[in-house]
Amino acid sequence: MPSPDPEALLALGRRLRVLRQEGVLVAGSGFMTHSFAVMRDPRLVGHVRALDEWAADALARGDVDALVDYRVKGPGAAVAHVTADHFVPLLLTLGAADVAVPVSTPIEGIGMGNSLRSIHVA
C-alpha cells in the first residue's frame, strides 16, 4: 500500500479500474476491524460489532464516501480500528470496482474479537 490515506487509495483504485476491464483481479486484504484492545478485553466487542455492521450497511448502500470517512462516521472506529492499515485496502478495491455492481459479504462473524467479514465485488 503506497499510503494509508483513504482518499488516495480510493483514487488509486479508480486508476486501476482499467486493469479489471483487461481481466486483472484486484484484491485487497485486511480486516473489517482490527483491535488488540478488544482481543485483550472482550467486553469491548460492541465497538467491533458497531463498526462492522455500519460498514456492511454502507457497502450495501454504495456509500463509499462514508467508508472513506470511517474514522469520523464509523461508530466504534477508535477502538475497532486503531490504525488504518487493515481497513484501507477495502477502499482501493472499491475504487477499482464498477460502482454499479452490488457488493456481497459471503463470510460474516466475529472471531478473536474482530470482524471476519469478507467482501466480494464482482
PDB file of N, CA and C in Angstrom:
ATOM      1  N   MET A   1       0.852  -1.162   0.000  1.00  0.00           N
ATOM      2  CA  MET A   1       0.000   0.000   0.000  1.00  0.00           C
ATOM      3  C   MET A   1       0.908   1.238   0.000  1.00  0.00           C
ATOM      4  N   PRO A   2       0.743   2.086  -0.966  1.00  0.00           N
ATOM      5  CA  PRO A   2       1.605   3.259  -1.051  1.00  0.00           C
ATOM      6  C   PRO A   2       1.298   4.320   0.000  1.00  0.00           C
ATOM      7  N   SER A   3       0.106   4.242   0.611  1.00  0.00           N
ATOM      8  CA  SER A   3      -0.311   5.261   1.572  1.00  0.00           C
ATOM      9  C   SER A   3      -1.456   4.697   2.406  1.00  0.00           C
ATOM     10  N   PRO A   4      -1.577   5.121   3.666  1.00  0.00           N
ATOM     11  CA  PRO A   4      -2.745   4.722   4.452  1.00  0.00           C
ATOM     12  C   PRO A   4      -3.922   5.690   4.272  1.00  0.00           C
ATOM     13  N   ASP A   5      -3.741   6.705   3.437  1.00  0.00           N
ATOM     14  CA  ASP A   5      -4.770   7.725   3.240  1.00  0.00           C
ATOM     15  C   ASP A   5      -5.957   7.158   2.461  1.00  0.00           C
ATOM     16  N   PRO A   6      -7.156   7.139   3.066  1.00  0.00           N
ATOM     17  CA  PRO A   6      -8.315   6.548   2.393  1.00  0.00           C
ATOM     18  C   PRO A   6      -8.626   7.164   1.030  1.00  0.00           C
ATOM     19  N   GLU A   7      -8.573   8.480   0.920  1.00  0.00           N
ATOM     20  CA  GLU A   7      -8.900   9.126  -0.362  1.00  0.00           C
ATOM     21  C   GLU A   7      -7.861   8.800  -1.434  1.00  0.00           C
ATOM     22  N   ALA A   8      -6.594   8.752  -1.039  1.00  0.00           N
ATOM     23  CA  ALA A   8      -5.534   8.427  -2.005  1.00  0.00           C
ATOM     24  C   ALA A   8      -5.694   6.996  -2.513  1.00  0.00           C
ATOM     25  N   LEU A   9      -6.070   6.080  -1.629  1.00  0.00           N
ATOM     26  CA  LEU A   9      -6.237   4.687  -2.048  1.00  0.00           C
ATOM     27  C   LEU A   9      -7.473   4.501  -2.915  1.00  0.00           C
ATOM     28  N   LEU A  10      -8.536   5.217  -2.619  1.00  0.00           N
ATOM     29  CA  LEU A  10      -9.727   5.167  -3.465  1.00  0.00           C
ATOM     30  C   LEU A  10      -9.374   5.663  -4.869  1.00  0.00           C
ATOM     31  N   ALA A  11      -8.619   6.759  -4.940  1.00  0.00           N
ATOM     32  CA  ALA A  11      -8.202   7.307  -6.239  1.00  0.00           C
ATOM     33  C   ALA A  11      -7.298   6.327  -6.986  1.00  0.00           C
ATOM     34  N   LEU A  12      -6.388   5.693  -6.269  1.00  0.00           N
ATOM     35  CA  LEU A  12      -5.523   4.693  -6.906  1.00  0.00           C
ATOM     36  C   LEU A  12      -6.355   3.535  -7.451  1.00  0.00           C
ATOM     37  N   GLY A  13      -7.321   3.089  -6.677  1.00  0.00           N
ATOM     38  CA  GLY A  13      -8.207   2.027  -7.149  1.00  0.00           C
ATOM     39  C   GLY A  13      -8.937   2.426  -8.418  1.00  0.00           C
ATOM     40  N   ARG A  14      -9.378   3.657  -8.485  1.00  0.00           N
ATOM     41  CA  ARG A  14     -10.065   4.129  -9.702  1.00  0.00           C
ATOM     42  C   ARG A  14      -9.138   4.094 -10.909  1.00  0.00           C
ATOM     43  N   ARG A  15      -7.854   4.379 -10.682  1.00  0.00           N
ATOM     44  CA  ARG A  15      -6.891   4.307 -11.789  1.00  0.00           C
ATOM     45  C   ARG A  15      -6.642   2.856 -12.201  1.00  0.00           C
ATOM     46  N   LEU A  16      -6.800   1.935 -11.267  1.00  0.00           N
ATOM     47  CA  LEU A  16      -6.600   0.509 -11.568  1.00  0.00           C
ATOM     48  C   LEU A  16      -7.819  -0.129 -12.243  1.00  0.00           C
ATOM     49  N   ARG A  17      -8.929   0.573 -12.245  1.00  0.00           N
ATOM     50  CA  ARG A  17     -10.175   0.020 -12.805  1.00  0.00           C
ATOM     51  C   ARG A  17      -9.984  -0.476 -14.236  1.00  0.00           C
ATOM     52  N   VAL A  18      -9.180   0.209 -15.020  1.00  0.00           N
ATOM     53  CA  VAL A  18      -8.951  -0.197 -16.403  1.00  0.00           C
ATOM     54  C   VAL A  18      -8.320  -1.590 -16.459  1.00  0.00           C
ATOM     55  N   LEU A  19      -7.517  -1.939 -15.473  1.00  0.00           N
ATOM     56  CA  LEU A  19      -6.916  -3.273 -15.450  1.00  0.00           C
ATOM     57  C   LEU A  19      -7.972  -4.358 -15.274  1.00  0.00           C
ATOM     58  N   ARG A  20      -9.000  -4.082 -14.485  1.00  0.00           N
ATOM     59  CA  ARG A  20     -10.083  -5.051 -14.313  1.00  0.00           C
ATOM     60  C   ARG A  20     -10.763  -5.326 -15.646  1.00  0.00           C
ATOM     61  N   GLN A  21     -10.887  -4.288 -16.468  1.00  0.00           N
ATOM     62  CA  GLN A  21     -11.507  -4.460 -17.778  1.00  0.00           C
ATOM     63  C   GLN A  21     -10.655  -5.338 -18.685  1.00  0.00           C
ATOM     64  N   GLU A  22      -9.377  -5.478 -18.333  1.00  0.00           N
ATOM     65  CA  GLU A  22      -8.474  -6.353 -19.083  1.00  0.00           C
ATOM     66  C   GLU A  22      -8.386  -7.739 -18.455  1.00  0.00           C
ATOM     67  N   GLY A  23      -9.193  -7.985 -17.416  1.00  0.00           N
ATOM     68  CA  GLY A  23      -9.220  -9.298 -16.786  1.00  0.00           C
ATOM     69  C   GLY A  23      -8.303  -9.459 -15.593  1.00  0.00           C
ATOM     70  N   VAL A  24      -7.705  -8.376 -15.120  1.00  0.00           N
ATOM     71  CA  VAL A  24      -6.811  -8.441 -13.965  1.00  0.00           C
ATOM     72  C   VAL A  24      -7.637  -8.416 -12.682  1.00  0.00           C
ATOM     73  N   LEU A  25      -7.347  -9.336 -11.776  1.00  0.00           N
ATOM     74  CA  LEU A  25      -8.009  -9.385 -10.479  1.00  0.00           C
ATOM     75  C   LEU A  25      -7.379  -8.358  -9.562  1.00  0.00           C
ATOM     76  N   VAL A  26      -8.190  -7.502  -8.966  1.00  0.00           N
ATOM     77  CA  VAL A  26      -7.724  -6.539  -7.972  1.00  0.00           C
ATOM     78  C   VAL A  26      -8.227  -7.031  -6.628  1.00  0.00           C
ATOM     79  N   ALA A  27      -7.308  -7.363  -5.739  1.00  0.00           N
ATOM     80  CA  ALA A  27      -7.686  -7.906  -4.435  1.00  0.00           C
ATOM     81  C   ALA A  27      -7.122  -7.029  -3.334  1.00  0.00           C
ATOM     82  N   GLY A  28      -7.900  -6.894  -2.290  1.00  0.00           N
ATOM     83  CA  GLY A  28      -7.452  -6.176  -1.103  1.00  0.00           C
ATOM     84  C   GLY A  28      -7.520  -7.118   0.073  1.00  0.00           C
ATOM     85  N   SER A  29      -6.590  -6.997   0.973  1.00  0.00           N
ATOM     86  CA  SER A  29      -6.561  -7.882   2.123  1.00  0.00           C
ATOM     87  C   SER A  29      -6.384  -7.063   3.380  1.00  0.00           C
ATOM     88  N   GLY A  30      -7.215  -7.337   4.345  1.00  0.00           N
ATOM     89  CA  GLY A  30      -7.148  -6.638   5.618  1.00  0.00           C
ATOM     90  C   GLY A  30      -8.204  -7.216   6.531  1.00  0.00           C
ATOM     91  N   PHE A  31      -8.668  -6.435   7.440  1.00  0.00           N
ATOM     92  CA  PHE A  31      -9.742  -6.839   8.339  1.00  0.00           C
ATOM     93  C   PHE A  31     -10.773  -5.729   8.368  1.00  0.00           C
ATOM     94  N   MET A  32     -12.046  -6.099   8.456  1.00  0.00           N
ATOM     95  CA  MET A  32     -13.070  -5.078   8.630  1.00  0.00           C
ATOM     96  C   MET A  32     -12.831  -4.357   9.955  1.00  0.00           C
ATOM     97  N   THR A  33     -12.330  -5.094  10.949  1.00  0.00           N
ATOM     98  CA  THR A  33     -11.885  -4.486  12.207  1.00  0.00           C
ATOM     99  C   THR A  33     -10.561  -5.129  12.591  1.00  0.00           C
ATOM    100  N   HIS A  34      -9.803  -4.402  13.389  1.00  0.00           N
ATOM    101  CA  HIS A  34      -8.519  -4.929  13.862  1.00  0.00           C
ATOM    102  C   HIS A  34      -8.198  -4.220  15.176  1.00  0.00           C
ATOM    103  N   SER A  35      -8.487  -4.895  16.287  1.00  0.00           N
ATOM    104  CA  SER A  35      -8.340  -4.245  17.576  1.00  0.00           C
ATOM    105  C   SER A  35      -7.709  -5.181  18.599  1.00  0.00           C
ATOM    106  N   PHE A  36      -6.489  -4.859  18.979  1.00  0.00           N
ATOM    107  CA  PHE A  36      -5.860  -5.620  20.054  1.00  0.00           C
ATOM    108  C   PHE A  36      -6.540  -5.325  21.386  1.00  0.00           C
ATOM    109  N   ALA A  37      -7.113  -4.133  21.529  1.00  0.00           N
ATOM    110  CA  ALA A  37      -7.825  -3.789  22.762  1.00  0.00           C
ATOM    111  C   ALA A  37      -8.980  -4.750  22.996  1.00  0.00           C
ATOM    112  N   VAL A  38      -9.708  -5.074  21.945  1.00  0.00           N
ATOM    113  CA  VAL A  38     -10.844  -5.999  22.071  1.00  0.00           C
ATOM    114  C   VAL A  38     -10.339  -7.417  22.331  1.00  0.00           C
ATOM    115  N   MET A  39      -9.224  -7.769  21.730  1.00  0.00           N
ATOM    116  CA  MET A  39      -8.663  -9.094  21.993  1.00  0.00           C
ATOM    117  C   MET A  39      -8.257  -9.226  23.462  1.00  0.00           C
ATOM    118  N   ARG A  40      -7.756  -8.122  24.045  1.00  0.00           N
ATOM    119  CA  ARG A  40      -7.368  -8.141  25.455  1.00  0.00           C
ATOM    120  C   ARG A  40      -8.567  -8.028  26.390  1.00  0.00           C
ATOM    121  N   ASP A  41      -9.597  -7.295  25.959  1.00  0.00           N
ATOM    122  CA  ASP A  41     -10.779  -7.078  26.791  1.00  0.00           C
ATOM    123  C   ASP A  41     -12.033  -7.332  25.958  1.00  0.00           C
ATOM    124  N   PRO A  42     -12.515  -8.562  25.948  1.00  0.00           N
ATOM    125  CA  PRO A  42     -13.676  -8.932  25.130  1.00  0.00           C
ATOM    126  C   PRO A  42     -14.934  -8.105  25.410  1.00  0.00           C
ATOM    127  N   ARG A  43     -14.983  -7.419  26.529  1.00  0.00           N
ATOM    128  CA  ARG A  43     -16.159  -6.581  26.826  1.00  0.00           C
ATOM    129  C   ARG A  43     -16.276  -5.413  25.847  1.00  0.00           C
ATOM    130  N   LEU A  44     -15.215  -5.118  25.111  1.00  0.00           N
ATOM    131  CA  LEU A  44     -15.226  -4.023  24.132  1.00  0.00           C
ATOM    132  C   LEU A  44     -15.744  -4.451  22.761  1.00  0.00           C
ATOM    133  N   VAL A  45     -16.176  -5.691  22.624  1.00  0.00           N
ATOM    134  CA  VAL A  45     -16.581  -6.227  21.322  1.00  0.00           C
ATOM    135  C   VAL A  45     -17.737  -5.441  20.689  1.00  0.00           C
ATOM    136  N   GLY A  46     -18.487  -4.708  21.468  1.00  0.00           N
ATOM    137  CA  GLY A  46     -19.560  -3.883  20.914  1.00  0.00           C
ATOM    138  C   GLY A  46     -19.045  -2.864  19.911  1.00  0.00           C
ATOM    139  N   HIS A  47     -17.832  -2.365  20.122  1.00  0.00           N
ATOM    140  CA  HIS A  47     -17.229  -1.421  19.171  1.00  0.00           C
ATOM    141  C   HIS A  47     -16.971  -2.105  17.831  1.00  0.00           C
ATOM    142  N   VAL A  48     -16.502  -3.338  17.897  1.00  0.00           N
ATOM    143  CA  VAL A  48     -16.245  -4.126  16.684  1.00  0.00           C
ATOM    144  C   VAL A  48     -17.550  -4.375  15.937  1.00  0.00           C
ATOM    145  N   ARG A  49     -18.548  -4.815  16.657  1.00  0.00           N
ATOM    146  CA  ARG A  49     -19.846  -5.090  16.013  1.00  0.00           C
ATOM    147  C   ARG A  49     -20.440  -3.832  15.391  1.00  0.00           C
ATOM    148  N   ALA A  50     -20.328  -2.715  16.103  1.00  0.00           N
ATOM    149  CA  ALA A  50     -20.891  -1.462  15.596  1.00  0.00           C
ATOM    150  C   ALA A  50     -20.221  -1.042  14.291  1.00  0.00           C
ATOM    151  N   LEU A  51     -18.889  -1.084  14.250  1.00  0.00           N
ATOM    152  CA  LEU A  51     -18.200  -0.681  13.024  1.00  0.00           C
ATOM    153  C   LEU A  51     -18.458  -1.676  11.895  1.00  0.00           C
ATOM    154  N   ASP A  52     -18.442  -2.951  12.216  1.00  0.00           N
ATOM    155  CA  ASP A  52     -18.688  -3.988  11.215  1.00  0.00           C
ATOM    156  C   ASP A  52     -20.072  -3.821  10.587  1.00  0.00           C
ATOM    157  N   GLU A  53     -21.090  -3.660  11.409  1.00  0.00           N
ATOM    158  CA  GLU A  53     -22.463  -3.504  10.891  1.00  0.00           C
ATOM    159  C   GLU A  53     -22.623  -2.206  10.122  1.00  0.00           C
ATOM    160  N   TRP A  54     -22.013  -1.139  10.604  1.00  0.00           N
ATOM    161  CA  TRP A  54     -22.076   0.144   9.909  1.00  0.00           C
ATOM    162  C   TRP A  54     -21.424   0.030   8.524  1.00  0.00           C
ATOM    163  N   ALA A  55     -20.235  -0.580   8.467  1.00  0.00           N
ATOM    164  CA  ALA A  55     -19.527  -0.725   7.190  1.00  0.00           C
ATOM    165  C   ALA A  55     -20.309  -1.610   6.230  1.00  0.00           C
ATOM    166  N   ALA A  56     -20.890  -2.695   6.739  1.00  0.00           N
ATOM    167  CA  ALA A  56     -21.694  -3.576   5.883  1.00  0.00           C
ATOM    168  C   ALA A  56     -22.878  -2.815   5.305  1.00  0.00           C
ATOM    169  N   ASP A  57     -23.506  -1.988   6.124  1.00  0.00           N
ATOM    170  CA  ASP A  57     -24.636  -1.188   5.648  1.00  0.00           C
ATOM    171  C   ASP A  57     -24.172  -0.166   4.608  1.00  0.00           C
ATOM    172  N   ALA A  58     -23.049   0.504   4.872  1.00  0.00           N
ATOM    173  CA  ALA A  58     -22.522   1.482   3.910  1.00  0.00           C
ATOM    174  C   ALA A  58     -22.182   0.804   2.585  1.00  0.00           C
ATOM    175  N   LEU A  59     -21.608  -0.387   2.648  1.00  0.00           N
ATOM    176  CA  LEU A  59     -21.309  -1.141   1.428  1.00  0.00           C
ATOM    177  C   LEU A  59     -22.584  -1.496   0.677  1.00  0.00           C
ATOM    178  N   ALA A  60     -23.584  -1.955   1.401  1.00  0.00           N
ATOM    179  CA  ALA A  60     -24.847  -2.344   0.764  1.00  0.00           C
ATOM    180  C   ALA A  60     -25.522  -1.149   0.091  1.00  0.00           C
ATOM    181  N   ARG A  61     -25.366   0.029   0.670  1.00  0.00           N
ATOM    182  CA  ARG A  61     -25.961   1.244   0.106  1.00  0.00           C
ATOM    183  C   ARG A  61     -25.067   1.896  -0.939  1.00  0.00           C
ATOM    184  N   GLY A  62     -23.821   1.397  -1.081  1.00  0.00           N
ATOM    185  CA  GLY A  62     -22.888   2.004  -2.026  1.00  0.00           C
ATOM    186  C   GLY A  62     -22.346   3.335  -1.554  1.00  0.00           C
ATOM    187  N   ASP A  63     -22.334   3.561  -0.239  1.00  0.00           N
ATOM    188  CA  ASP A  63     -21.892   4.839   0.326  1.00  0.00           C
ATOM    189  C   ASP A  63     -20.378   4.830   0.544  1.00  0.00           C
ATOM    190  N   VAL A  64     -19.652   4.957  -0.542  1.00  0.00           N
ATOM    191  CA  VAL A  64     -18.195   4.936  -0.496  1.00  0.00           C
ATOM    192  C   VAL A  64     -17.660   6.146   0.265  1.00  0.00           C
ATOM    193  N   ASP A  65     -18.332   7.297   0.140  1.00  0.00           N
ATOM    194  CA  ASP A  65     -17.888   8.498   0.851  1.00  0.00           C
ATOM    195  C   ASP A  65     -17.879   8.277   2.360  1.00  0.00           C
ATOM    196  N   ALA A  66     -18.881   7.588   2.884  1.00  0.00           N
ATOM    197  CA  ALA A  66     -18.916   7.295   4.320  1.00  0.00           C
ATOM    198  C   ALA A  66     -17.748   6.390   4.700  1.00  0.00           C
ATOM    199  N   LEU A  67     -17.454   5.396   3.868  1.00  0.00           N
ATOM    200  CA  LEU A  67     -16.354   4.486   4.152  1.00  0.00           C
ATOM    201  C   LEU A  67     -15.005   5.201   4.129  1.00  0.00           C
ATOM    202  N   VAL A  68     -14.846   6.154   3.223  1.00  0.00           N
ATOM    203  CA  VAL A  68     -13.619   6.945   3.172  1.00  0.00           C
ATOM    204  C   VAL A  68     -13.443   7.712   4.486  1.00  0.00           C
ATOM    205  N   ASP A  69     -14.535   8.176   5.050  1.00  0.00           N
ATOM    206  CA  ASP A  69     -14.510   8.961   6.287  1.00  0.00           C
ATOM    207  C   ASP A  69     -14.849   8.087   7.501  1.00  0.00           C
ATOM    208  N   TYR A  70     -14.444   6.823   7.461  1.00  0.00           N
ATOM    209  CA  TYR A  70     -14.826   5.865   8.505  1.00  0.00           C
ATOM    210  C   TYR A  70     -14.337   6.274   9.890  1.00  0.00           C
ATOM    211  N   ARG A  71     -13.225   6.977   9.983  1.00  0.00           N
ATOM    212  CA  ARG A  71     -12.705   7.394  11.287  1.00  0.00           C
ATOM    213  C   ARG A  71     -13.686   8.316  12.009  1.00  0.00           C
ATOM    214  N   VAL A  72     -14.377   9.152  11.254  1.00  0.00           N
ATOM    215  CA  VAL A  72     -15.327  10.103  11.836  1.00  0.00           C
ATOM    216  C   VAL A  72     -16.737   9.514  11.883  1.00  0.00           C
ATOM    217  N   LYS A  73     -17.163   8.884  10.799  1.00  0.00           N
ATOM    218  CA  LYS A  73     -18.546   8.430  10.681  1.00  0.00           C
ATOM    219  C   LYS A  73     -18.792   7.026  11.222  1.00  0.00           C
ATOM    220  N   GLY A  74     -17.764   6.209  11.307  1.00  0.00           N
ATOM    221  CA  GLY A  74     -17.925   4.819  11.722  1.00  0.00           C
ATOM    222  C   GLY A  74     -18.002   4.681  13.234  1.00  0.00           C
ATOM    223  N   PRO A  75     -19.126   4.209  13.751  1.00  0.00           N
ATOM    224  CA  PRO A  75     -19.244   4.042  15.203  1.00  0.00           C
ATOM    225  C   PRO A  75     -18.252   2.995  15.714  1.00  0.00           C
ATOM    226  N   GLY A  76     -17.574   3.331  16.780  1.00  0.00           N
ATOM    227  CA  GLY A  76     -16.625   2.399  17.378  1.00  0.00           C
ATOM    228  C   GLY A  76     -15.278   2.345  16.692  1.00  0.00           C
ATOM    229  N   ALA A  77     -15.045   3.162  15.671  1.00  0.00           N
ATOM    230  CA  ALA A  77     -13.808   3.078  14.886  1.00  0.00           C
ATOM    231  C   ALA A  77     -12.559   3.288  15.732  1.00  0.00           C
ATOM    232  N   ALA A  78     -12.617   4.157  16.708  1.00  0.00           N
ATOM    233  CA  ALA A  78     -11.439   4.446  17.527  1.00  0.00           C
ATOM    234  C   ALA A  78     -10.953   3.215  18.287  1.00  0.00           C
ATOM    235  N   VAL A  79     -11.859   2.310  18.629  1.00  0.00           N
ATOM    236  CA  VAL A  79     -11.492   1.080  19.340  1.00  0.00           C
ATOM    237  C   VAL A  79     -11.366  -0.084  18.358  1.00  0.00           C
ATOM    238  N   ALA A  80     -12.275  -0.164  17.394  1.00  0.00           N
ATOM    239  CA  ALA A  80     -12.322  -1.308  16.483  1.00  0.00           C
ATOM    240  C   ALA A  80     -11.222  -1.277  15.437  1.00  0.00           C
ATOM    241  N   HIS A  81     -10.687  -0.102  15.138  1.00  0.00           N
ATOM    242  CA  HIS A  81      -9.637   0.036  14.116  1.00  0.00           C
ATOM    243  C   HIS A  81      -8.691   1.155  14.503  1.00  0.00           C
ATOM    244  N   VAL A  82      -7.772   0.860  15.376  1.00  0.00           N
ATOM    245  CA  VAL A  82      -6.856   1.881  15.881  1.00  0.00           C
ATOM    246  C   VAL A  82      -5.971   2.444  14.773  1.00  0.00           C
ATOM    247  N   THR A  83      -5.532   1.585  13.860  1.00  0.00           N
ATOM    248  CA  THR A  83      -4.720   2.038  12.729  1.00  0.00           C
ATOM    249  C   THR A  83      -5.456   1.731  11.425  1.00  0.00           C
ATOM    250  N   ALA A  84      -5.089   2.445  10.386  1.00  0.00           N
ATOM    251  CA  ALA A  84      -5.793   2.340   9.107  1.00  0.00           C
ATOM    252  C   ALA A  84      -5.367   1.143   8.265  1.00  0.00           C
ATOM    253  N   ASP A  85      -4.200   0.587   8.528  1.00  0.00           N
ATOM    254  CA  ASP A  85      -3.590  -0.365   7.601  1.00  0.00           C
ATOM    255  C   ASP A  85      -4.431  -1.580   7.248  1.00  0.00           C
ATOM    256  N   HIS A  86      -5.288  -2.032   8.123  1.00  0.00           N
ATOM    257  CA  HIS A  86      -6.095  -3.210   7.815  1.00  0.00           C
ATOM    258  C   HIS A  86      -7.438  -2.862   7.166  1.00  0.00           C
ATOM    259  N   PHE A  87      -7.880  -1.629   7.284  1.00  0.00           N
ATOM    260  CA  PHE A  87      -9.182  -1.228   6.735  1.00  0.00           C
ATOM    261  C   PHE A  87      -9.075  -0.660   5.324  1.00  0.00           C
ATOM    262  N   VAL A  88      -8.061   0.135   5.063  1.00  0.00           N
ATOM    263  CA  VAL A  88      -8.000   0.893   3.808  1.00  0.00           C
ATOM    264  C   VAL A  88      -7.811   0.078   2.534  1.00  0.00           C
ATOM    265  N   PRO A  89      -7.337  -1.183   2.578  1.00  0.00           N
ATOM    266  CA  PRO A  89      -7.337  -1.945   1.321  1.00  0.00           C
ATOM    267  C   PRO A  89      -8.739  -2.067   0.718  1.00  0.00           C
ATOM    268  N   LEU A  90      -9.752  -2.025   1.571  1.00  0.00           N
ATOM    269  CA  LEU A  90     -11.133  -2.042   1.093  1.00  0.00           C
ATOM    270  C   LEU A  90     -11.384  -0.882   0.143  1.00  0.00           C
ATOM    271  N   LEU A  91     -10.841   0.281   0.453  1.00  0.00           N
ATOM    272  CA  LEU A  91     -11.092   1.466  -0.370  1.00  0.00           C
ATOM    273  C   LEU A  91     -10.410   1.368  -1.724  1.00  0.00           C
ATOM    274  N   LEU A  92      -9.219   0.790  -1.768  1.00  0.00           N
ATOM    275  CA  LEU A  92      -8.551   0.588  -3.056  1.00  0.00           C
ATOM    276  C   LEU A  92      -9.392  -0.345  -3.926  1.00  0.00           C
ATOM    277  N   THR A  93      -9.878  -1.428  -3.352  1.00  0.00           N
ATOM    278  CA  THR A  93     -10.655  -2.381  -4.153  1.00  0.00           C
ATOM    279  C   THR A  93     -12.000  -1.796  -4.557  1.00  0.00           C
ATOM    280  N   LEU A  94     -12.601  -0.989  -3.701  1.00  0.00           N
ATOM    281  CA  LEU A  94     -13.854  -0.330  -4.091  1.00  0.00           C
ATOM    282  C   LEU A  94     -13.617   0.660  -5.216  1.00  0.00           C
ATOM    283  N   GLY A  95     -12.490   1.350  -5.178  1.00  0.00           N
ATOM    284  CA  GLY A  95     -12.159   2.269  -6.265  1.00  0.00           C
ATOM    285  C   GLY A  95     -12.003   1.544  -7.592  1.00  0.00           C
ATOM    286  N   ALA A  96     -11.470   0.342  -7.547  1.00  0.00           N
ATOM    287  CA  ALA A  96     -11.273  -0.437  -8.774  1.00  0.00           C
ATOM    288  C   ALA A  96     -12.561  -1.081  -9.267  1.00  0.00           C
ATOM    289  N   ALA A  97     -13.567  -1.134  -8.414  1.00  0.00           N
ATOM    290  CA  ALA A  97     -14.818  -1.804  -8.768  1.00  0.00           C
ATOM    291  C   ALA A  97     -15.699  -0.932  -9.641  1.00  0.00           C
ATOM    292  N   ASP A  98     -16.582  -1.587 -10.356  1.00  0.00           N
ATOM    293  CA  ASP A  98     -17.637  -0.895 -11.086  1.00  0.00           C
ATOM    294  C   ASP A  98     -18.660  -0.485 -10.044  1.00  0.00           C
ATOM    295  N   VAL A  99     -18.855   0.815  -9.862  1.00  0.00           N
ATOM    296  CA  VAL A  99     -19.703   1.299  -8.779  1.00  0.00           C
ATOM    297  C   VAL A  99     -21.142   0.798  -8.866  1.00  0.00           C
ATOM    298  N   ALA A 100     -21.576   0.360 -10.017  1.00  0.00           N
ATOM    299  CA  ALA A 100     -22.946  -0.125 -10.158  1.00  0.00           C
ATOM    300  C   ALA A 100     -23.094  -1.586  -9.730  1.00  0.00           C
ATOM    301  N   VAL A 101     -21.987  -2.248  -9.473  1.00  0.00           N
ATOM    302  CA  VAL A 101     -22.020  -3.669  -9.128  1.00  0.00           C
ATOM    303  C   VAL A 101     -22.338  -3.834  -7.649  1.00  0.00           C
ATOM    304  N   PRO A 102     -23.277  -4.721  -7.319  1.00  0.00           N
ATOM    305  CA  PRO A 102     -23.579  -4.927  -5.904  1.00  0.00           C
ATOM    306  C   PRO A 102     -22.428  -5.625  -5.174  1.00  0.00           C
ATOM    307  N   VAL A 103     -22.340  -5.348  -3.895  1.00  0.00           N
ATOM    308  CA  VAL A 103     -21.331  -5.930  -3.031  1.00  0.00           C
ATOM    309  C   VAL A 103     -21.990  -7.017  -2.202  1.00  0.00           C
ATOM    310  N   SER A 104     -21.309  -8.146  -2.054  1.00  0.00           N
ATOM    311  CA  SER A 104     -21.824  -9.189  -1.173  1.00  0.00           C
ATOM    312  C   SER A 104     -20.805  -9.458  -0.076  1.00  0.00           C
ATOM    313  N   THR A 105     -21.284 -10.021   1.014  1.00  0.00           N
ATOM    314  CA  THR A 105     -20.404 -10.381   2.120  1.00  0.00           C
ATOM    315  C   THR A 105     -20.610 -11.860   2.423  1.00  0.00           C
ATOM    316  N   PRO A 106     -19.879 -12.732   1.692  1.00  0.00           N
ATOM    317  CA  PRO A 106     -20.090 -14.174   1.823  1.00  0.00           C
ATOM    318  C   PRO A 106     -19.650 -14.762   3.162  1.00  0.00           C
ATOM    319  N   ILE A 107     -18.767 -14.076   3.866  1.00  0.00           N
ATOM    320  CA  ILE A 107     -18.324 -14.552   5.180  1.00  0.00           C
ATOM    321  C   ILE A 107     -18.574 -13.432   6.181  1.00  0.00           C
ATOM    322  N   GLU A 108     -19.232 -13.773   7.278  1.00  0.00           N
ATOM    323  CA  GLU A 108     -19.504 -12.810   8.334  1.00  0.00           C
ATOM    324  C   GLU A 108     -19.230 -13.467   9.672  1.00  0.00           C
ATOM    325  N   GLY A 109     -19.094 -12.672  10.697  1.00  0.00           N
ATOM    326  CA  GLY A 109     -18.923 -13.193  12.041  1.00  0.00           C
ATOM    327  C   GLY A 109     -17.813 -12.473  12.781  1.00  0.00           C
ATOM    328  N   ILE A 110     -17.712 -12.796  14.050  1.00  0.00           N
ATOM    329  CA  ILE A 110     -16.696 -12.219  14.923  1.00  0.00           C
ATOM    330  C   ILE A 110     -15.819 -13.365  15.405  1.00  0.00           C
ATOM    331  N   GLY A 111     -14.510 -13.206  15.306  1.00  0.00           N
ATOM    332  CA  GLY A 111     -13.563 -14.209  15.783  1.00  0.00           C
ATOM    333  C   GLY A 111     -12.394 -13.536  16.473  1.00  0.00           C
ATOM    334  N   MET A 112     -12.025 -14.026  17.611  1.00  0.00           N
ATOM    335  CA  MET A 112     -10.935 -13.439  18.398  1.00  0.00           C
ATOM    336  C   MET A 112     -11.128 -11.935  18.582  1.00  0.00           C
ATOM    337  N   GLY A 113     -12.375 -11.506  18.693  1.00  0.00           N
ATOM    338  CA  GLY A 113     -12.672 -10.100  18.939  1.00  0.00           C
ATOM    339  C   GLY A 113     -12.661  -9.215  17.719  1.00  0.00           C
ATOM    340  N   ASN A 114     -12.564  -9.788  16.538  1.00  0.00           N
ATOM    341  CA  ASN A 114     -12.526  -8.984  15.321  1.00  0.00           C
ATOM    342  C   ASN A 114     -13.486  -9.526  14.271  1.00  0.00           C
ATOM    343  N   SER A 115     -13.907  -8.627  13.390  1.00  0.00           N
ATOM    344  CA  SER A 115     -14.811  -8.990  12.319  1.00  0.00           C
ATOM    345  C   SER A 115     -14.100  -9.872  11.295  1.00  0.00           C
ATOM    346  N   LEU A 116     -14.770 -10.905  10.881  1.00  0.00           N
ATOM    347  CA  LEU A 116     -14.240 -11.814   9.857  1.00  0.00           C
ATOM    348  C   LEU A 116     -14.904 -11.561   8.504  1.00  0.00           C
ATOM    349  N   ARG A 117     -15.628 -10.465   8.384  1.00  0.00           N
ATOM    350  CA  ARG A 117     -16.390 -10.175   7.170  1.00  0.00           C
ATOM    351  C   ARG A 117     -15.501 -10.171   5.938  1.00  0.00           C
ATOM    352  N   SER A 118     -15.947 -10.874   4.927  1.00  0.00           N
ATOM    353  CA  SER A 118     -15.274 -10.926   3.640  1.00  0.00           C
ATOM    354  C   SER A 118     -16.163 -10.219   2.626  1.00  0.00           C
ATOM    355  N   ILE A 119     -15.581  -9.365   1.822  1.00  0.00           N
ATOM    356  CA  ILE A 119     -16.346  -8.581   0.852  1.00  0.00           C
ATOM    357  C   ILE A 119     -16.030  -9.095  -0.537  1.00  0.00           C
ATOM    358  N   HIS A 120     -17.068  -9.227  -1.357  1.00  0.00           N
ATOM    359  CA  HIS A 120     -16.881  -9.635  -2.748  1.00  0.00           C
ATOM    360  C   HIS A 120     -17.551  -8.591  -3.635  1.00  0.00           C
ATOM    361  N   VAL A 121     -16.776  -8.042  -4.537  1.00  0.00           N
ATOM    362  CA  VAL A 121     -17.298  -7.096  -5.533  1.00  0.00           C
ATOM    363  C   VAL A 121     -17.019  -7.715  -6.882  1.00  0.00           C
ATOM    364  N   ALA A 122     -18.059  -7.960  -7.636  1.00  0.00           N
ATOM    365  CA  ALA A 122     -17.903  -8.629  -8.936  1.00  0.00           C
ATOM    366  C   ALA A 122     -17.162  -7.759  -9.926  1.00  0.00           C
TER     367      ALA A 122
END
